Amino acid sequence: MRKPHPAVPFLCAAFLLAAGLFLLHPAPAGAGDAKEVELKFDGRPKAGEPYVISVNSRQVRTYRMKLVGINNPPRRRETHEIHAVGELVYQSLDPLVIQFKVEALSQIVDGVKTDYAPLAGMTAIVRTSGVNLRDIPLGSDDNAAASVLGGGPGEASGAKTKEEIRAMLPGARRLIASMFSAPLDHPEEYLGKTRKVKPGGKWTASAKPMLEAIRANGLELSEDKVTATATYNNPSKFYEGDISAQNVYFLAESGNIPGYDFKLEVHFQFPDGGGDAPFRVERSATEVVNRAIPEGVPGFSGSVMDCVTTVQSDVAMIRKSRMKAKKKNWFLDLF
């Protein structure tokens, strides 16, 4: 049986990538007499400038064996949540080199929470060649820790000792690596560089990057098996109403693929006028993989293994220079 393959190229980030948490926004009912707006999707983060970033993501994977003659099939459920707030600096975009200063960091794996709050103030340097960050360790020993997670207080605070903090570093490295486990997202690869459209206007988006990611994970799909559309929603305000933003909804779905199905929804908030990375990216994805047990296996003939994966994520990011001092902890509200 082939290993299930996640078809969620937007994550990652990837930035990984759940609002309110996991709030989805409906498209407007109609454009009416509204004027066209020129949208720009090719903005990039500004190298060298600090951003405040909030990451909330949740992945649930359920395995179910449908056995012939058994009404209650056995199940296995895996869950993984990530919550992080910190300061992000893109030292380089190509190759991607990121500096992430921890403000709050935790994860929940199958109901067990690990809080890395004692690492607040420490900094991780994340490097990738653009191939796959997960293949590059974030430090492998205590000697590497200073260059990978360092810059925190000289002495441990509270009940946590230096030894306890040091024991947290390997898990924190792996967690931060998973948060930045893909090359930098480029929304224009899906939406195009620019688009003139009225609120409610819809256009055909590109599914090519998604197809490439799915094929790289072992499933050959033709372009006619995936549809992708984008819709411009009404503009809104970001950062407690201080900054104008443009909202775009992206939908990609598979169809007529035996044993495989997925749906991906992404809500973007772009800076009005472009010129920077999206303020916020909310994703909701579901992938279903069905695999029949080969004929001739004793006791399992006709049985099917299901693997259902759902991923929801919310990544919000804003340049610190845009933020007012009195609201510097605003992103903690998303944590």
Protein backbone atom coordinates (compact mmCIF):
# COMPACT_ATOMS: atom_id res chain seq x y z
CA MET A 1 0.00 0.00 0.00
CA ARG A 2 1.42 3.36 -1.02
CA LYS A 3 2.06 5.94 1.65
CA PRO A 4 -0.52 8.75 1.59
CA HIS A 5 0.79 11.92 0.08
CA PRO A 6 -0.21 15.36 1.40
CA ALA A 7 -1.53 17.58 -1.38
CA VAL A 8 -1.32 20.88 0.40
CA PRO A 9 1.38 22.95 -1.37
CA PHE A 10 0.24 26.21 0.22
CA LEU A 11 1.19 25.01 3.67
CA CYS A 12 4.06 25.51 4.54
CA ALA A 13 4.93 27.61 4.78
CA ALA A 14 4.47 25.28 4.22
CA PHE A 15 3.92 28.60 6.05
CA LEU A 16 1.83 26.77 7.48
CA LEU A 17 0.07 26.69 7.21
CA ALA A 18 -6.87 28.29 10.91
CA ALA A 19 -8.61 31.46 11.79
CA GLY A 20 -10.67 32.64 14.53
CA LEU A 21 -9.54 29.96 14.61
CA PHE A 22 -10.24 28.65 11.10
CA LEU A 23 -12.83 31.20 9.97
CA LEU A 24 -13.74 31.16 6.28
CA HIS A 25 -15.17 34.22 4.52
CA PRO A 26 -18.00 33.99 1.95
CA ALA A 27 -17.70 35.81 -1.34
CA PRO A 28 -19.90 38.87 -1.93
CA ALA A 29 -23.23 38.30 -3.60
CA GLY A 30 -22.55 40.50 -6.63
CA ALA A 31 -20.39 43.26 -8.04
CA GLY A 32 -23.24 45.61 -9.00
CA ASP A 33 -21.95 48.93 -10.30
CA ALA A 34 -18.70 48.75 -8.33
CA LYS A 35 -15.54 49.91 -10.07
CA GLU A 36 -12.74 47.65 -11.13
CA VAL A 37 -9.76 47.44 -8.82
CA GLU A 38 -6.24 46.56 -9.90
CA LEU A 39 -4.94 43.81 -7.65
CA LYS A 40 -1.25 42.94 -7.36
CA PHE A 41 -0.11 39.53 -6.17
CA ASP A 42 3.64 39.61 -6.83
CA GLY A 43 4.75 41.36 -3.65
CA ARG A 44 7.65 39.91 -1.65
CA PRO A 45 8.73 40.27 1.97
CA LYS A 46 11.32 43.00 2.44
CA ALA A 47 14.69 41.44 3.11
CA GLY A 48 16.30 42.73 6.28
CA GLU A 49 13.12 44.24 7.74
CA PRO A 50 11.51 42.72 10.85
CA TYR A 51 7.97 41.34 10.61
CA VAL A 52 5.67 40.28 13.41
CA ILE A 53 4.23 36.86 12.57
CA SER A 54 1.50 34.68 14.06
CA VAL A 55 1.08 31.02 13.07
CA ASN A 56 -1.84 28.80 14.06
CA SER A 57 -2.26 25.44 12.36
CA ARG A 58 -4.01 22.16 12.98
CA GLN A 59 -3.66 18.86 11.11
CA VAL A 60 -5.86 15.85 11.72
CA ARG A 61 -5.20 12.54 9.99
CA THR A 62 -7.63 9.66 10.38
CA TYR A 63 -6.98 6.11 9.22
CA ARG A 64 -9.92 3.72 8.89
CA MET A 65 -9.91 0.11 7.78
CA LYS A 66 -13.20 -0.90 6.12
CA LEU A 67 -13.29 -4.63 6.73
CA VAL A 68 -15.82 -6.82 4.99
CA GLY A 69 -18.47 -8.00 7.45
CA ILE A 70 -17.49 -5.60 10.27
CA ASN A 71 -19.81 -2.68 11.04
CA ASN A 72 -17.42 -0.74 13.30
CA PRO A 73 -14.12 -0.53 11.43
CA PRO A 74 -10.94 0.10 13.44
CA ARG A 75 -9.69 3.71 13.42
CA ARG A 76 -6.51 5.57 14.19
CA ARG A 77 -6.45 9.32 14.64
CA GLU A 78 -3.42 11.62 14.69
CA THR A 79 -3.54 15.34 15.51
CA HIS A 80 -0.89 18.05 15.48
CA GLU A 81 -1.37 21.71 16.35
CA ILE A 82 1.19 24.51 16.16
CA HIS A 83 0.86 27.94 17.73
CA ALA A 84 3.61 30.55 17.43
CA VAL A 85 4.17 34.28 17.65
CA GLY A 86 7.47 35.99 17.03
CA GLU A 87 9.60 38.33 14.99
CA LEU A 88 10.63 37.22 11.51
CA VAL A 89 13.44 38.65 9.40
CA TYR A 90 14.13 37.45 5.87
CA GLN A 91 17.90 37.70 5.72
CA SER A 92 17.81 36.35 2.16
CA LEU A 93 15.01 35.32 -0.21
CA ASP A 94 17.09 33.19 -2.59
CA PRO A 95 18.41 31.07 -1.03
CA LEU A 96 15.87 31.40 1.75
CA VAL A 97 17.46 32.36 5.08
CA ILE A 98 15.09 33.27 7.91
CA GLN A 99 15.71 34.60 11.39
CA PHE A 100 12.84 33.82 13.79
CA LYS A 101 12.81 35.30 17.29
CA VAL A 102 10.44 33.41 19.58
CA GLU A 103 7.81 35.28 21.58
CA ALA A 104 5.39 32.39 22.12
CA LEU A 105 5.72 28.80 20.87
CA SER A 106 3.79 25.61 21.61
CA GLN A 107 2.48 22.46 19.99
CA ILE A 108 -0.14 19.82 20.80
CA VAL A 109 0.45 16.30 19.50
CA ASP A 110 -2.40 13.81 20.00
CA GLY A 111 -3.70 15.86 22.92
CA VAL A 112 -0.33 16.30 24.67
CA LYS A 113 0.80 19.94 24.87
CA THR A 114 4.41 21.12 24.92
CA ASP A 115 4.87 24.79 25.74
CA TYR A 116 8.20 26.34 24.78
CA ALA A 117 7.48 29.61 26.62
CA PRO A 118 10.87 29.45 28.45
CA LEU A 119 12.54 29.92 25.05
CA ALA A 120 10.97 33.36 24.55
CA GLY A 121 13.62 35.79 23.37
CA MET A 122 15.74 33.12 21.70
CA THR A 123 16.38 33.22 17.96
CA ALA A 124 16.45 30.46 15.33
CA ILE A 125 18.33 30.82 12.07
CA VAL A 126 16.58 28.77 9.38
CA ARG A 127 18.35 28.04 6.09
CA THR A 128 17.14 26.18 3.03
CA SER A 129 18.43 25.67 -0.48
CA GLY A 130 14.85 25.89 -1.72
CA VAL A 131 14.54 22.12 -2.07
CA ASN A 132 13.19 20.90 1.26
CA LEU A 133 14.04 22.38 4.60
CA ARG A 134 13.09 19.17 6.40
CA ASP A 135 16.24 17.58 5.00
CA ILE A 136 18.41 20.20 6.70
CA PRO A 137 18.82 19.80 10.50
CA LEU A 138 18.48 22.90 12.68
CA GLY A 139 21.55 22.09 14.73
CA SER A 140 22.44 18.59 15.88
CA ASP A 141 24.25 19.12 19.16
CA ASP A 142 24.76 21.55 22.03
CA ASN A 143 27.66 23.21 20.22
CA ALA A 144 25.30 24.19 17.40
CA ALA A 145 22.59 25.46 19.74
CA ALA A 146 24.13 28.91 20.15
CA SER A 147 23.95 29.61 16.43
CA VAL A 148 20.53 28.03 15.98
CA LEU A 149 18.57 28.99 19.08
CA GLY A 150 20.34 31.65 21.09
CA GLY A 151 20.20 35.24 22.17
CA GLY A 152 17.83 34.60 25.05
CA PRO A 153 18.35 35.63 28.68
CA GLY A 154 21.69 34.65 30.13
CA GLU A 155 20.03 32.99 33.10
CA ALA A 156 16.91 30.85 33.21
CA SER A 157 13.86 32.51 34.72
CA GLY A 158 11.26 31.08 37.05
CA ALA A 159 11.42 27.40 37.91
CA LYS A 160 13.10 26.44 34.64
CA THR A 161 16.80 25.71 34.87
CA LYS A 162 19.35 26.01 32.10
CA GLU A 163 19.36 22.23 31.80
CA GLU A 164 15.59 22.11 31.32
CA ILE A 165 15.76 24.81 28.66
CA ARG A 166 18.59 22.99 26.91
CA ALA A 167 16.46 19.84 26.89
CA MET A 168 13.75 21.76 25.02
CA LEU A 169 16.02 22.85 22.18
CA PRO A 170 15.87 19.69 19.98
CA GLY A 171 12.07 19.69 20.02
CA ALA A 172 11.96 23.44 19.36
CA ARG A 173 14.33 23.06 16.41
CA ARG A 174 12.13 20.35 14.88
CA LEU A 175 8.99 22.41 15.46
CA ILE A 176 10.43 25.56 13.88
CA ALA A 177 11.72 23.47 10.96
CA SER A 178 8.20 22.12 10.38
CA MET A 179 6.80 25.67 10.41
CA PHE A 180 9.14 26.73 7.62
CA SER A 181 9.34 23.42 5.78
CA ALA A 182 8.83 24.65 2.22
CA PRO A 183 10.19 27.36 -0.07
CA LEU A 184 8.62 30.81 0.10
CA ASP A 185 5.06 31.00 -1.22
CA HIS A 186 4.52 33.04 -4.39
CA PRO A 187 0.77 33.75 -4.71
CA GLU A 188 1.17 35.01 -8.30
CA GLU A 189 1.95 31.44 -9.38
CA TYR A 190 -1.71 30.68 -8.66
CA LEU A 191 -3.43 34.05 -9.12
CA GLY A 192 -1.29 35.79 -11.73
CA LYS A 193 0.81 38.91 -11.14
CA THR A 194 -2.02 41.42 -11.51
CA ARG A 195 -5.76 41.41 -12.13
CA LYS A 196 -8.33 44.13 -12.78
CA VAL A 197 -11.62 42.97 -11.34
CA LYS A 198 -14.77 44.17 -9.60
CA PRO A 199 -15.82 42.89 -6.16
CA GLY A 200 -17.38 39.47 -6.70
CA GLY A 201 -15.45 38.96 -9.93
CA LYS A 202 -14.10 35.47 -10.56
CA TRP A 203 -11.34 34.15 -12.81
CA THR A 204 -9.62 30.89 -13.62
CA ALA A 205 -6.54 30.40 -11.47
CA SER A 206 -3.54 28.16 -12.10
CA ALA A 207 -3.42 24.66 -10.62
CA LYS A 208 0.05 23.92 -12.04
CA PRO A 209 2.02 24.34 -8.76
CA MET A 210 -0.43 22.05 -6.99
CA LEU A 211 -0.21 19.44 -9.72
CA GLU A 212 3.58 19.50 -9.50
CA ALA A 213 3.44 19.00 -5.73
CA ILE A 214 0.97 16.11 -6.03
CA ARG A 215 3.02 14.44 -8.76
CA ALA A 216 6.17 14.81 -6.66
CA ASN A 217 4.41 12.75 -3.99
CA GLY A 218 3.74 9.85 -6.34
CA LEU A 219 0.32 10.47 -7.89
CA GLU A 220 0.15 11.30 -11.59
CA LEU A 221 -2.69 13.69 -12.38
CA SER A 222 -3.61 15.34 -15.66
CA GLU A 223 -4.55 19.02 -15.69
CA ASP A 224 -8.20 18.27 -16.44
CA LYS A 225 -8.51 16.50 -13.05
CA VAL A 226 -8.04 19.70 -11.05
CA THR A 227 -10.01 22.97 -11.23
CA ALA A 228 -8.84 26.22 -9.66
CA THR A 229 -10.71 29.53 -9.41
CA ALA A 230 -10.15 32.86 -7.66
CA THR A 231 -12.71 35.41 -6.48
CA TYR A 232 -12.15 39.01 -5.42
CA ASN A 233 -14.11 39.84 -2.27
CA ASN A 234 -14.83 43.31 -0.94
CA PRO A 235 -11.87 45.22 0.55
CA SER A 236 -11.44 45.28 4.32
CA LYS A 237 -9.22 46.64 7.07
CA PHE A 238 -6.29 44.81 8.64
CA TYR A 239 -4.53 45.35 11.97
CA GLU A 240 -7.49 46.61 13.98
CA GLY A 241 -8.73 48.77 11.12
CA ASP A 242 -5.51 50.71 10.56
CA ILE A 243 -4.49 49.32 7.15
CA SER A 244 -6.50 48.75 3.94
CA ALA A 245 -6.42 45.22 2.54
CA GLN A 246 -7.75 43.43 -0.54
CA ASN A 247 -9.37 40.00 -0.10
CA VAL A 248 -9.07 37.13 -2.57
CA TYR A 249 -10.57 33.65 -2.21
CA PHE A 250 -8.87 30.72 -3.95
CA LEU A 251 -10.53 27.33 -4.45
CA ALA A 252 -8.95 24.19 -5.93
CA GLU A 253 -10.69 20.82 -6.20
CA SER A 254 -9.99 17.47 -7.75
CA GLY A 255 -12.54 15.44 -9.68
CA ASN A 256 -13.10 11.96 -11.10
CA ILE A 257 -9.93 10.44 -9.64
CA PRO A 258 -10.41 6.84 -8.44
CA GLY A 259 -9.28 6.49 -4.84
CA TYR A 260 -8.23 10.11 -4.38
CA ASP A 261 -9.90 13.44 -3.67
CA PHE A 262 -8.91 16.84 -2.28
CA LYS A 263 -10.24 20.33 -1.75
CA LEU A 264 -8.22 23.42 -0.87
CA GLU A 265 -9.60 26.83 0.14
CA VAL A 266 -7.33 29.83 0.72
CA HIS A 267 -8.30 33.33 1.86
CA PHE A 268 -5.67 35.99 1.15
CA GLN A 269 -5.48 39.53 2.55
CA PHE A 270 -3.14 41.53 0.32
CA PRO A 271 -1.80 45.04 1.02
CA ASP A 272 -3.83 47.61 -0.89
CA GLY A 273 -1.63 48.53 -3.85
CA GLY A 274 0.66 45.51 -3.45
CA GLY A 275 4.39 45.71 -2.93
CA ASP A 276 4.60 43.37 0.07
CA ALA A 277 3.78 39.82 1.09
CA PRO A 278 0.13 39.06 2.04
CA PHE A 279 -0.89 40.29 5.47
CA ARG A 280 -2.80 37.12 6.16
CA VAL A 281 -3.28 33.70 4.57
CA GLU A 282 -5.97 31.33 5.87
CA ARG A 283 -6.08 27.81 4.47
CA SER A 284 -8.45 24.89 4.81
CA ALA A 285 -7.63 21.64 3.02
CA THR A 286 -9.01 18.11 2.96
CA GLU A 287 -7.41 15.12 1.27
CA VAL A 288 -8.93 11.64 1.02
CA VAL A 289 -6.93 8.60 -0.06
CA ASN A 290 -8.65 5.21 -0.54
CA ARG A 291 -6.55 2.10 -1.02
CA ALA A 292 -8.01 -1.33 -1.60
CA ILE A 293 -6.27 -4.27 0.07
CA PRO A 294 -4.84 -6.47 -2.71
CA GLU A 295 -6.92 -9.50 -3.63
CA GLY A 296 -5.71 -12.74 -2.14
CA VAL A 297 -4.69 -11.41 1.28
CA PRO A 298 -6.25 -13.89 3.75
CA GLY A 299 -9.12 -12.34 5.71
CA PHE A 300 -8.91 -8.96 3.99
CA SER A 301 -10.17 -9.56 0.46
CA GLY A 302 -12.44 -6.66 -0.56
CA SER A 303 -11.36 -4.46 2.36
CA VAL A 304 -10.36 -0.80 1.96
CA MET A 305 -8.01 1.49 3.89
CA ASP A 306 -9.08 5.15 4.10
CA CYS A 307 -6.78 8.00 5.04
CA VAL A 308 -8.45 11.39 5.53
CA THR A 309 -6.23 14.41 6.22
CA THR A 310 -7.56 17.86 7.12
CA VAL A 311 -5.32 20.89 7.54
CA GLN A 312 -6.38 24.33 8.71
CA SER A 313 -3.95 27.17 9.16
CA ASP A 314 -3.80 30.90 9.70
CA VAL A 315 -0.59 32.84 9.10
CA ALA A 316 -0.66 36.60 9.75
CA MET A 317 2.39 38.77 9.11
CA ILE A 318 3.01 42.50 9.12
CA ARG A 319 6.09 44.71 8.96
CA LYS A 320 6.91 46.18 12.37
CA SER A 321 7.33 49.59 10.77
CA ARG A 322 3.58 49.56 9.99
CA MET A 323 2.63 48.83 13.60
CA LYS A 324 1.88 51.34 16.32
CA ALA A 325 3.85 50.95 19.53
CA LYS A 326 0.71 50.73 21.65
CA LYS A 327 -0.40 47.69 19.64
CA LYS A 328 2.90 45.81 19.55
CA ASN A 329 1.36 42.76 21.24
CA TRP A 330 -1.71 42.71 19.00
CA PHE A 331 -0.73 39.39 17.38
CA LEU A 332 -0.94 37.62 20.72
CA ASP A 333 -4.72 37.90 20.31
CA LEU A 334 -4.39 35.40 17.45
CA PHE A 335 -2.30 32.99 19.52
